[in-house]
Protein backbone atom coordinates (compact mmCIF):
# COMPACT_ATOMS: atom_id res chain seq x y z
CA MET A 1 -15.12 57.87 -55.27
CA LYS A 2 -18.86 58.68 -54.79
CA ARG A 3 -17.76 61.67 -52.60
CA MET A 4 -15.45 63.01 -55.29
CA ILE A 5 -18.11 62.71 -57.91
CA LEU A 6 -20.51 64.61 -55.59
CA LEU A 7 -17.88 67.34 -54.96
CA ALA A 8 -17.20 67.62 -58.73
CA ALA A 9 -20.96 67.90 -59.53
CA LEU A 10 -21.30 70.72 -56.96
CA PHE A 11 -18.41 72.56 -58.31
CA ALA A 12 -19.81 72.14 -62.02
CA SER A 13 -23.24 73.41 -60.95
CA SER A 14 -21.56 76.43 -58.99
CA ALA A 15 -19.51 77.23 -62.09
CA VAL A 16 -22.52 77.25 -64.34
CA ALA A 17 -24.46 79.41 -61.71
CA ILE A 18 -21.44 81.91 -61.69
CA ALA A 19 -21.43 81.99 -65.46
CA GLN A 20 -25.11 82.71 -65.83
CA ALA A 21 -25.02 85.48 -63.14
CA PRO A 22 -26.36 88.68 -64.82
CA ASP A 23 -23.75 91.38 -65.53
CA THR A 24 -24.51 94.71 -63.47
CA LEU A 25 -22.93 98.06 -64.53
CA HIS A 26 -22.81 100.57 -61.75
CA VAL A 27 -21.65 104.15 -62.53
CA LYS A 28 -21.71 107.04 -60.23
CA LYS A 29 -22.64 110.53 -61.23
CA VAL A 30 -22.83 110.16 -65.00
CA GLU A 31 -22.33 113.41 -66.73
CA ASP A 32 -24.45 112.71 -69.82
CA VAL A 33 -27.08 110.10 -70.55
CA THR A 34 -28.60 109.63 -74.03
CA VAL A 35 -31.54 107.30 -74.83
CA ILE A 36 -32.24 106.76 -78.49
CA THR A 37 -35.50 104.91 -79.12
CA SER A 38 -36.79 104.04 -82.64
CA GLN A 39 -39.38 101.40 -83.72
CA ASN A 40 -37.06 98.58 -83.77
CA GLU A 41 -34.21 99.37 -81.39
CA GLN A 42 -33.16 101.25 -78.18
CA THR A 43 -29.64 102.49 -77.54
CA ILE A 44 -28.32 103.86 -74.23
CA ILE A 45 -25.12 105.89 -74.17
CA LEU A 46 -23.42 107.02 -70.90
CA LYS A 47 -20.47 109.58 -71.06
CA GLY A 48 -18.35 110.59 -68.20
CA SER A 49 -18.51 109.59 -64.50
CA ALA A 50 -17.35 110.69 -61.09
CA GLU A 51 -14.20 108.29 -61.42
CA ASP A 52 -13.41 108.58 -65.00
CA ALA A 53 -14.06 111.76 -67.10
CA ASP A 54 -13.37 109.81 -70.34
CA PHE A 55 -15.70 107.04 -69.42
CA ASN A 56 -17.99 106.14 -72.44
CA TYR A 57 -20.55 103.13 -72.53
CA ARG A 58 -22.87 102.28 -75.29
CA SER A 59 -25.64 99.49 -75.23
CA SER A 60 -28.15 98.73 -77.99
CA VAL A 61 -31.19 96.34 -77.75
CA ARG A 62 -33.38 95.03 -80.54
CA ILE A 63 -37.18 95.65 -80.10
CA THR A 64 -39.33 92.72 -81.69
CA PRO A 65 -42.96 91.64 -80.99
CA GLU A 66 -41.57 88.96 -78.53
CA SER A 67 -39.28 91.56 -76.63
CA SER A 68 -40.20 92.11 -72.98
CA ILE A 69 -38.75 95.63 -72.14
CA SER A 70 -39.50 97.60 -69.18
CA ILE A 71 -38.58 101.29 -68.72
CA SER A 72 -38.63 102.86 -65.26
CA GLU A 73 -38.01 106.71 -64.61
CA ASN A 74 -37.59 108.50 -61.28
CA ASN A 75 -40.67 110.59 -61.58
CA PHE A 76 -44.39 109.89 -61.73
CA ASP A 77 -45.96 111.36 -65.17
CA LEU A 78 -49.27 112.67 -64.00
CA PHE A 79 -50.03 113.71 -67.54
CA ASN A 80 -50.02 110.23 -69.07
CA LEU A 81 -52.47 107.51 -68.23
CA ASP A 82 -49.98 104.92 -69.39
CA VAL A 83 -48.39 105.07 -65.76
CA LEU A 84 -51.59 103.34 -64.60
CA LYS A 85 -51.13 100.18 -66.78
CA PRO A 86 -49.19 97.12 -65.81
CA VAL A 87 -45.36 97.19 -66.74
CA GLU A 88 -45.96 94.63 -69.55
CA LYS A 89 -48.60 96.73 -71.00
CA ARG A 90 -46.26 99.71 -71.16
CA ALA A 91 -43.42 97.92 -72.85
CA GLU A 92 -44.50 99.15 -76.42
CA GLN A 93 -43.28 102.83 -76.88
CA HIS A 94 -45.03 105.18 -79.19
CA SER A 95 -42.63 107.21 -81.28
CA GLY A 96 -45.37 109.43 -82.89
CA PRO A 97 -48.96 110.64 -82.39
CA ARG A 98 -51.88 108.21 -82.29
CA VAL A 99 -55.31 108.42 -83.64
CA PHE A 100 -56.90 108.36 -80.22
CA GLN A 101 -55.13 109.51 -77.11
CA VAL A 102 -56.59 109.94 -73.54
CA GLU A 103 -54.75 111.98 -71.08
CA ALA A 104 -55.35 112.85 -67.52
CA LEU A 105 -54.55 116.36 -66.02
CA GLU A 106 -53.31 117.53 -69.52
CA TYR A 107 -53.47 121.10 -68.76
CA LEU A 108 -53.92 123.79 -65.97
CA GLY A 109 -55.59 127.14 -66.76
CA LEU A 110 -54.77 130.34 -64.92
CA GLY A 111 -56.75 133.38 -65.83
CA VAL A 112 -58.59 136.59 -64.94
CA SER A 113 -62.54 136.57 -64.85
CA MET A 114 -64.18 139.83 -66.17
CA THR A 115 -67.78 140.79 -66.28
CA HIS A 116 -70.02 142.22 -69.31
CA ASP A 117 -73.75 143.13 -69.68
CA VAL A 118 -73.75 144.12 -65.87
CA ALA A 119 -76.91 145.37 -64.19
CA GLU A 120 -77.01 149.10 -63.56
CA GLY A 121 -75.11 150.36 -60.48
CA LEU A 122 -72.89 147.24 -60.12
CA ASP A 123 -69.14 147.78 -59.85
CA PHE A 124 -66.88 144.76 -60.37
CA THR A 125 -63.09 144.65 -60.10
CA SER A 126 -60.80 141.95 -61.59
CA ARG A 127 -58.05 140.15 -59.77
CA PRO A 128 -55.18 137.58 -61.15
CA PHE A 129 -56.10 133.95 -60.64
CA SER A 130 -59.83 134.69 -60.45
CA GLU A 131 -60.40 131.64 -62.79
CA LEU A 132 -58.64 128.41 -62.18
CA PHE A 133 -59.33 125.19 -63.93
CA VAL A 134 -57.76 121.84 -64.70
CA SER A 135 -58.41 119.16 -67.24
CA LEU A 136 -59.51 116.05 -65.45
CA VAL A 137 -59.65 113.86 -68.62
CA ASN A 138 -58.98 114.86 -72.18
CA LEU A 139 -59.59 112.84 -75.49
CA ASP A 140 -57.65 113.85 -78.60
CA ILE A 141 -58.73 112.35 -82.11
CA ARG A 142 -56.30 112.97 -84.90
CA PRO A 143 -58.21 111.84 -88.15
CA GLY A 144 -55.39 110.65 -90.51
CA LEU A 145 -52.79 111.81 -88.11
CA GLY A 146 -52.77 115.11 -89.87
CA PRO A 147 -52.59 118.74 -88.33
CA VAL A 148 -56.17 118.70 -87.45
CA VAL A 149 -57.04 117.54 -83.82
CA LEU A 150 -60.56 117.13 -82.49
CA SER A 151 -60.79 117.01 -78.68
CA THR A 152 -63.25 116.84 -75.78
CA GLY A 153 -63.18 115.98 -72.01
CA ILE A 154 -64.01 117.07 -68.65
CA ASP A 155 -62.63 120.28 -66.82
CA LEU A 156 -63.01 121.26 -63.18
CA GLY A 157 -62.96 125.00 -62.52
CA TYR A 158 -63.33 127.91 -60.19
CA HIS A 159 -64.44 131.34 -60.65
CA SER A 160 -64.27 134.40 -58.38
CA TYR A 161 -66.13 137.81 -58.92
CA ARG A 162 -65.30 140.75 -56.54
CA LEU A 163 -67.26 143.97 -56.07
CA GLY A 164 -65.37 147.29 -56.09
CA SER A 165 -67.37 149.41 -53.63
CA ASP A 166 -70.72 147.81 -52.52
CA MET A 167 -71.02 144.30 -51.04
CA PHE A 168 -72.90 141.16 -51.61
CA SER A 169 -75.70 140.14 -49.12
CA LYS A 170 -78.07 137.09 -48.74
CA PRO A 171 -80.48 137.91 -46.06
CA GLU A 172 -82.93 135.15 -47.17
CA LYS A 173 -82.85 133.10 -50.48
CA ASP A 174 -81.85 135.65 -52.99
CA LEU A 175 -78.46 137.36 -53.60
CA LEU A 176 -78.49 141.13 -53.17
CA VAL A 177 -75.97 143.89 -53.64
CA VAL A 178 -76.12 146.60 -50.80
CA PRO A 179 -74.21 149.44 -49.62
CA VAL A 180 -71.56 148.90 -46.85
CA PRO A 181 -72.75 149.69 -43.52
CA ASP A 182 -71.10 153.04 -42.13
CA GLU A 183 -69.48 151.21 -39.14
CA TRP A 184 -67.67 148.63 -41.45
CA SER A 185 -64.31 149.08 -43.22
CA LEU A 186 -64.79 146.45 -46.13
CA LYS A 187 -61.83 144.75 -47.23
CA LYS A 188 -63.38 142.58 -49.82
CA SER A 189 -66.72 141.09 -50.96
CA VAL A 190 -66.55 138.28 -53.35
CA LEU A 191 -68.90 135.60 -55.11
CA ARG A 192 -67.22 132.22 -55.83
CA SER A 193 -68.40 129.25 -57.60
CA ASN A 194 -67.24 125.93 -58.89
CA TYR A 195 -68.00 124.37 -62.34
CA LEU A 196 -67.67 121.21 -64.50
CA SER A 197 -67.12 121.91 -68.07
CA VAL A 198 -67.32 119.70 -71.22
CA PRO A 199 -65.37 121.52 -73.99
CA TRP A 200 -65.49 120.50 -77.64
CA LYS A 201 -62.40 122.00 -79.54
CA ILE A 202 -60.95 121.78 -82.95
CA ARG A 203 -57.08 122.52 -83.24
CA PHE A 204 -55.09 123.46 -86.36
CA GLU A 205 -51.46 122.78 -86.08
CA PHE A 206 -48.67 124.29 -88.19
CA GLY A 207 -45.01 124.57 -88.69
CA PRO A 208 -42.09 122.24 -87.71
CA LYS A 209 -42.86 119.91 -85.06
CA ARG A 210 -46.29 121.58 -84.88
CA SER A 211 -45.02 124.35 -82.76
CA LEU A 212 -47.75 126.79 -83.73
CA ALA A 213 -51.51 126.11 -83.36
CA VAL A 214 -54.92 127.79 -83.12
CA PHE A 215 -57.97 126.21 -81.44
CA GLY A 216 -61.48 127.03 -80.32
CA GLY A 217 -64.84 125.64 -79.93
CA PRO A 218 -68.01 125.55 -77.72
CA GLU A 219 -68.30 124.27 -74.16
CA LEU A 220 -71.01 123.29 -71.66
CA ASP A 221 -70.82 124.19 -68.13
CA PHE A 222 -72.50 122.87 -64.87
CA ASN A 223 -72.26 125.46 -62.07
CA PHE A 224 -72.23 124.67 -58.48
CA GLY A 225 -70.93 125.56 -55.13
CA GLY A 226 -72.12 129.16 -55.13
CA ARG A 227 -70.96 131.23 -52.00
CA ILE A 228 -70.28 134.69 -51.00
CA LYS A 229 -67.57 136.05 -48.48
CA ASN A 230 -67.46 139.50 -46.85
CA LYS A 231 -64.26 140.41 -45.12
CA TYR A 232 -64.27 143.77 -43.15
CA THR A 233 -63.02 145.44 -39.88
CA MET A 234 -65.32 147.17 -37.12
CA ASP A 235 -64.25 148.69 -33.82
CA GLY A 236 -60.72 147.49 -34.41
CA GLY A 237 -61.78 143.86 -34.90
CA ARG A 238 -61.63 141.79 -38.04
CA PHE A 239 -64.49 139.83 -39.13
CA LYS A 240 -65.67 137.39 -41.91
CA LYS A 241 -69.25 136.67 -42.86
CA LYS A 242 -69.91 133.86 -45.33
CA ASP A 243 -73.17 132.62 -46.94
CA LYS A 244 -73.63 129.67 -49.22
CA ASP A 245 -76.27 128.14 -51.41
CA ILE A 246 -76.18 131.06 -54.04
CA ALA A 247 -78.76 130.44 -56.70
CA LEU A 248 -76.37 130.08 -59.62
CA GLU A 249 -77.56 129.31 -63.09
CA PRO A 250 -77.00 125.66 -63.19
CA TRP A 251 -76.31 125.20 -66.90
CA THR A 252 -74.55 127.61 -69.05
CA TRP A 253 -72.50 127.56 -72.26
CA GLY A 254 -69.63 129.59 -73.80
CA ILE A 255 -66.92 129.65 -76.35
CA MET A 256 -63.22 129.16 -75.92
CA ALA A 257 -60.63 130.26 -78.38
CA GLY A 258 -56.81 130.47 -78.19
CA VAL A 259 -53.35 130.16 -79.76
CA SER A 260 -50.27 127.93 -78.90
CA ILE A 261 -46.75 129.19 -79.62
CA TYR A 262 -44.00 126.75 -78.86
CA GLY A 263 -45.94 125.14 -76.05
CA TRP A 264 -47.27 128.40 -74.64
CA ASP A 265 -51.14 128.43 -74.78
CA LEU A 266 -53.20 131.64 -74.38
CA TYR A 267 -56.84 131.44 -74.19
CA PHE A 268 -60.02 133.55 -74.17
CA ARG A 269 -63.49 132.45 -72.90
CA TYR A 270 -66.83 134.16 -73.34
CA SER A 271 -70.32 133.29 -72.07
CA PRO A 272 -73.64 135.07 -72.95
CA CYS A 273 -75.25 133.56 -70.04
CA ASN A 274 -76.09 135.20 -66.65
CA VAL A 275 -74.23 133.81 -63.73
CA ILE A 276 -77.20 134.07 -61.21
CA GLN A 277 -80.69 132.51 -61.92
CA ASN A 278 -83.15 135.14 -63.33
CA GLY A 279 -84.79 136.97 -60.55
CA ARG A 280 -82.64 135.60 -57.91
CA GLY A 281 -79.79 138.04 -57.97
CA PRO A 282 -77.95 140.82 -60.02
CA ALA A 283 -77.65 140.11 -63.75
CA PHE A 284 -74.17 139.86 -65.22
CA GLN A 285 -72.18 137.88 -67.75
CA THR A 286 -68.58 136.83 -67.86
CA TYR A 287 -65.60 136.56 -70.12
CA SER A 288 -61.91 135.64 -69.12
CA PHE A 289 -58.48 135.22 -70.46
CA GLY A 290 -55.32 133.61 -69.40
CA ILE A 291 -52.76 130.88 -70.06
CA LEU A 292 -52.77 127.09 -70.19
CA ILE A 293 -49.94 125.25 -68.63
CA ASN A 294 -49.53 121.87 -70.39
């Protein structure tokens, strides 16, 4: 009798365990997936599969303050700091803009550097991608969640300035522009530098879904890593000559302005400051233009 009671208990416990087993749906090669998320509910719709073209599945779940919902995608979003938070902190989904929003790597800038107010005798040429910068961190502030956005952050960037005929030289401490030696066939002579920028921008958004916008504001730059590179051939050989520790003007300022059209951002930057410290090299200032990739 005891053995029968024990077997019956084991059978009952097994039946309960089987009844409580989670239901798993595995569908191969779904043709269409739709996820609809509102403030109180999330619905997932699957249509079509490898085995059944007429397959249709719909699942809805209510979202309450007590809900514990985790959403996982097959890609890592570098442009959203929420991915750095624990899963339970990411459960709450935001359906609209927030008053304060911090983003990492929000945009990449690709542009062309130009020169103005150039010292007499200097001849610069311009090249694509002579200005590159990326937003390390960006803070957007939307007062009243309206069409006006205030933003600031930190950008890391790179500049390149190329001479057209003469060449850069640094025989001692100062940067010089000198003629190319007769025995050289100069391929390029370029001055490069890096910078950290703190922009302050105001953005006005218009139209449905805020697809049109204009923005602009001042920025403060810290310049570092100045260096020159001369590439030339001589007697059939190819040579490169590099010098570093160029006396850049450490702190400069400028203005950025731009327009955004359906997610495509065009920008223009202007600086009234010399690139090289006064008395340490040729005088020239810069402006640039290009695109921002969000």
